[in-house]
Amino acid sequence: MRNLCQNYIYKGRFLIKILNIYVDGACTGNPGEAAIGIIMYHNGEVVNEISKPIGEATNNIAEYSALVYALQEALMMKAENIQIHTDSELVFKQVAGRYKVKNTRLQFFLDQVRCLSRGFKTIDLKQIPREENKEADKLATQAIKKDKQIKMVASTVRIANGKVQS
């Protein structure tokens, strides 16, 4: 995770009023190990990158998790107007009210999105093609790979001369 927000603080307050945010969730398998990737721009400059594993989840839960996390970050940055870009048709259409939500877990995330949305003057949610969301996808994929590497290292045990070494 890279946070470049310190460049936008004056007397303890963020100077960012408008944020452009790209979000993505990814998982290996469905469900499988999942992660989120978020990249935030202000005036075309990256101000925050987030790449975090979220444990086992479905792809839809990963997509919603990225959106909720991005909204929380934007609120902490005191952004007033945000434009969020997602390549998830399901998330976009459920948030827009075009698709019904039949899954209680997804309904929980949708409720969080609606609650967090009240903290902004405006939110524009845009569905974009996958090709336009490559940077957020890369961050999500990196988090999964890094998490797998950590788990592999953490599960390594050395045995020498028939005895477990610590």
Protein backbone atom coordinates (compact mmCIF):
# COMPACT_ATOMS: atom_id res chain seq x y z
CA MET A 1 0.00 0.00 0.00
CA ARG A 2 1.37 3.37 -0.96
CA ASN A 3 -0.17 6.51 0.52
CA LEU A 4 0.88 9.78 -1.05
CA CYS A 5 -1.72 11.92 0.69
CA GLN A 6 0.73 13.85 2.85
CA ASN A 7 1.30 16.16 -0.14
CA TYR A 8 -2.32 17.28 0.16
CA ILE A 9 -2.48 18.22 3.84
CA TYR A 10 -2.56 21.81 5.05
CA LYS A 11 -2.89 22.59 8.76
CA GLY A 12 -4.12 19.06 9.44
CA ARG A 13 -6.85 19.14 6.77
CA PHE A 14 -6.92 17.41 3.42
CA LEU A 15 -7.12 19.72 0.43
CA ILE A 16 -8.65 17.11 -1.86
CA LYS A 17 -12.19 17.91 -2.93
CA ILE A 18 -12.49 15.67 -5.99
CA LEU A 19 -11.17 12.12 -6.25
CA ASN A 20 -11.11 9.78 -9.22
CA ILE A 21 -11.04 6.20 -7.93
CA TYR A 22 -10.54 2.87 -9.70
CA VAL A 23 -11.53 -0.26 -7.76
CA ASP A 24 -11.18 -3.96 -8.41
CA GLY A 25 -11.54 -7.22 -6.56
CA ALA A 26 -9.88 -10.46 -7.58
CA CYS A 27 -9.80 -14.05 -6.40
CA THR A 28 -8.21 -17.36 -7.29
CA GLY A 29 -11.16 -19.66 -7.73
CA ASN A 30 -14.68 -18.65 -6.83
CA PRO A 31 -14.59 -18.70 -3.87
CA GLY A 32 -10.86 -18.53 -3.32
CA GLU A 33 -8.11 -16.38 -1.91
CA ALA A 34 -9.21 -12.82 -2.64
CA ALA A 35 -7.82 -9.30 -2.59
CA ILE A 36 -8.67 -5.72 -3.46
CA GLY A 37 -6.89 -3.14 -5.55
CA ILE A 38 -7.67 0.57 -5.42
CA ILE A 39 -5.98 3.52 -7.06
CA MET A 40 -6.98 7.11 -6.27
CA TYR A 41 -6.22 10.14 -8.41
CA HIS A 42 -6.48 13.85 -7.77
CA ASN A 43 -5.93 16.13 -10.78
CA GLY A 44 -4.44 13.19 -12.68
CA GLU A 45 -1.86 12.43 -9.97
CA VAL A 46 -1.89 9.23 -7.90
CA VAL A 47 -2.58 10.10 -4.27
CA ASN A 48 -3.21 6.62 -2.87
CA GLU A 49 -2.73 3.00 -3.90
CA ILE A 50 -4.20 0.11 -1.93
CA SER A 51 -3.36 -3.55 -2.44
CA LYS A 52 -4.75 -5.83 0.29
CA PRO A 53 -5.64 -9.49 0.69
CA ILE A 54 -9.09 -10.09 2.21
CA GLY A 55 -8.99 -13.86 2.78
CA GLU A 56 -11.30 -16.35 1.12
CA ALA A 57 -14.20 -14.77 -0.74
CA THR A 58 -16.17 -14.87 -3.95
CA ASN A 59 -15.28 -12.50 -6.75
CA ASN A 60 -18.43 -10.45 -6.11
CA ILE A 61 -17.56 -10.03 -2.43
CA ALA A 62 -14.05 -8.96 -3.43
CA GLU A 63 -15.49 -6.38 -5.85
CA TYR A 64 -17.84 -4.99 -3.17
CA SER A 65 -15.02 -5.01 -0.59
CA ALA A 66 -12.91 -2.85 -2.88
CA LEU A 67 -15.76 -0.38 -3.31
CA VAL A 68 -16.48 -0.17 0.43
CA TYR A 69 -12.78 0.24 1.28
CA ALA A 70 -12.43 2.98 -1.33
CA LEU A 71 -15.42 4.87 0.07
CA GLN A 72 -13.96 4.64 3.58
CA GLU A 73 -10.58 5.95 2.39
CA ALA A 74 -12.22 8.81 0.48
CA LEU A 75 -14.21 9.78 3.59
CA MET A 76 -11.04 9.83 5.69
CA MET A 77 -9.46 12.07 3.06
CA LYS A 78 -12.50 14.35 3.39
CA ALA A 79 -13.19 14.23 -0.34
CA GLU A 80 -16.47 15.87 -1.23
CA ASN A 81 -17.00 14.61 -4.76
CA ILE A 82 -15.83 11.25 -6.03
CA GLN A 83 -15.95 9.40 -9.28
CA ILE A 84 -15.60 5.63 -8.92
CA HIS A 85 -14.76 3.33 -11.81
CA THR A 86 -15.50 -0.40 -11.62
CA ASP A 87 -15.42 -3.18 -14.16
CA SER A 88 -17.94 -5.23 -12.17
CA GLU A 89 -21.28 -5.26 -13.96
CA LEU A 90 -23.00 -6.86 -10.96
CA VAL A 91 -21.79 -4.28 -8.43
CA PHE A 92 -22.54 -1.40 -10.77
CA LYS A 93 -26.07 -2.59 -11.58
CA GLN A 94 -26.93 -3.51 -7.99
CA VAL A 95 -25.76 -0.14 -6.66
CA ALA A 96 -27.70 1.58 -9.48
CA GLY A 97 -30.81 -0.41 -8.56
CA ARG A 98 -31.00 -2.19 -11.93
CA TYR A 99 -30.36 -5.66 -10.46
CA LYS A 100 -32.01 -7.11 -7.38
CA VAL A 101 -29.78 -8.36 -4.59
CA LYS A 102 -30.65 -11.93 -3.69
CA ASN A 103 -27.59 -12.79 -1.60
CA THR A 104 -27.62 -11.61 2.04
CA ARG A 105 -23.84 -11.08 2.09
CA LEU A 106 -24.01 -8.87 -0.97
CA GLN A 107 -26.98 -7.02 0.54
CA PHE A 108 -24.81 -6.29 3.59
CA PHE A 109 -22.13 -4.73 1.35
CA LEU A 110 -24.72 -2.77 -0.64
CA ASP A 111 -26.11 -1.38 2.62
CA GLN A 112 -22.58 -0.29 3.59
CA VAL A 113 -22.12 1.42 0.22
CA ARG A 114 -25.38 3.33 0.64
CA CYS A 115 -24.53 4.35 4.20
CA LEU A 116 -21.00 5.52 3.33
CA SER A 117 -22.30 7.37 0.27
CA ARG A 118 -24.13 9.82 2.50
CA GLY A 119 -20.76 11.32 3.47
CA PHE A 120 -20.19 12.84 0.01
CA LYS A 121 -21.75 15.70 -1.92
CA THR A 122 -21.68 13.64 -5.11
CA ILE A 123 -20.67 10.17 -6.22
CA ASP A 124 -20.52 9.14 -9.84
CA LEU A 125 -20.23 5.40 -10.26
CA LYS A 126 -19.14 4.32 -13.72
CA GLN A 127 -18.93 0.87 -15.21
CA ILE A 128 -15.85 0.61 -17.38
CA PRO A 129 -14.34 -2.13 -19.57
CA ARG A 130 -11.76 -4.37 -17.89
CA GLU A 131 -9.04 -2.92 -20.11
CA GLU A 132 -9.54 0.49 -18.50
CA ASN A 133 -9.14 -0.94 -15.00
CA LYS A 134 -5.75 -2.63 -15.42
CA GLU A 135 -3.97 -0.71 -12.65
CA ALA A 136 -6.49 -1.58 -9.94
CA ASP A 137 -6.59 -5.18 -11.21
CA LYS A 138 -2.79 -5.34 -11.01
CA LEU A 139 -2.87 -4.14 -7.38
CA ALA A 140 -5.47 -6.78 -6.44
CA THR A 141 -3.55 -9.54 -8.21
CA GLN A 142 -0.28 -8.48 -6.54
CA ALA A 143 -1.93 -8.71 -3.11
CA ILE A 144 -3.05 -12.29 -3.79
CA LYS A 145 0.42 -13.31 -4.99
CA LYS A 146 2.15 -11.62 -2.06
CA ASP A 147 -0.26 -13.22 0.42
CA LYS A 148 0.40 -16.67 -1.10
CA GLN A 149 4.15 -16.14 -0.82
CA ILE A 150 3.83 -15.14 2.84
CA LYS A 151 1.71 -18.22 3.57
CA MET A 152 4.23 -20.46 1.82
CA VAL A 153 7.12 -19.01 3.83
CA ALA A 154 5.14 -19.12 7.07
CA SER A 155 4.36 -22.80 6.55
CA THR A 156 7.98 -23.86 6.02
CA VAL A 157 9.57 -26.07 8.67
CA ARG A 158 13.20 -27.15 8.68
CA ILE A 159 14.00 -30.69 9.70
CA ALA A 160 17.64 -31.60 10.20
CA ASN A 161 18.95 -34.95 11.41
CA GLY A 162 15.37 -36.09 11.96
CA LYS A 163 14.58 -33.20 14.32
CA VAL A 164 12.43 -30.13 13.76
CA GLN A 165 14.53 -26.95 13.90
CA SER A 166 12.97 -23.70 15.13
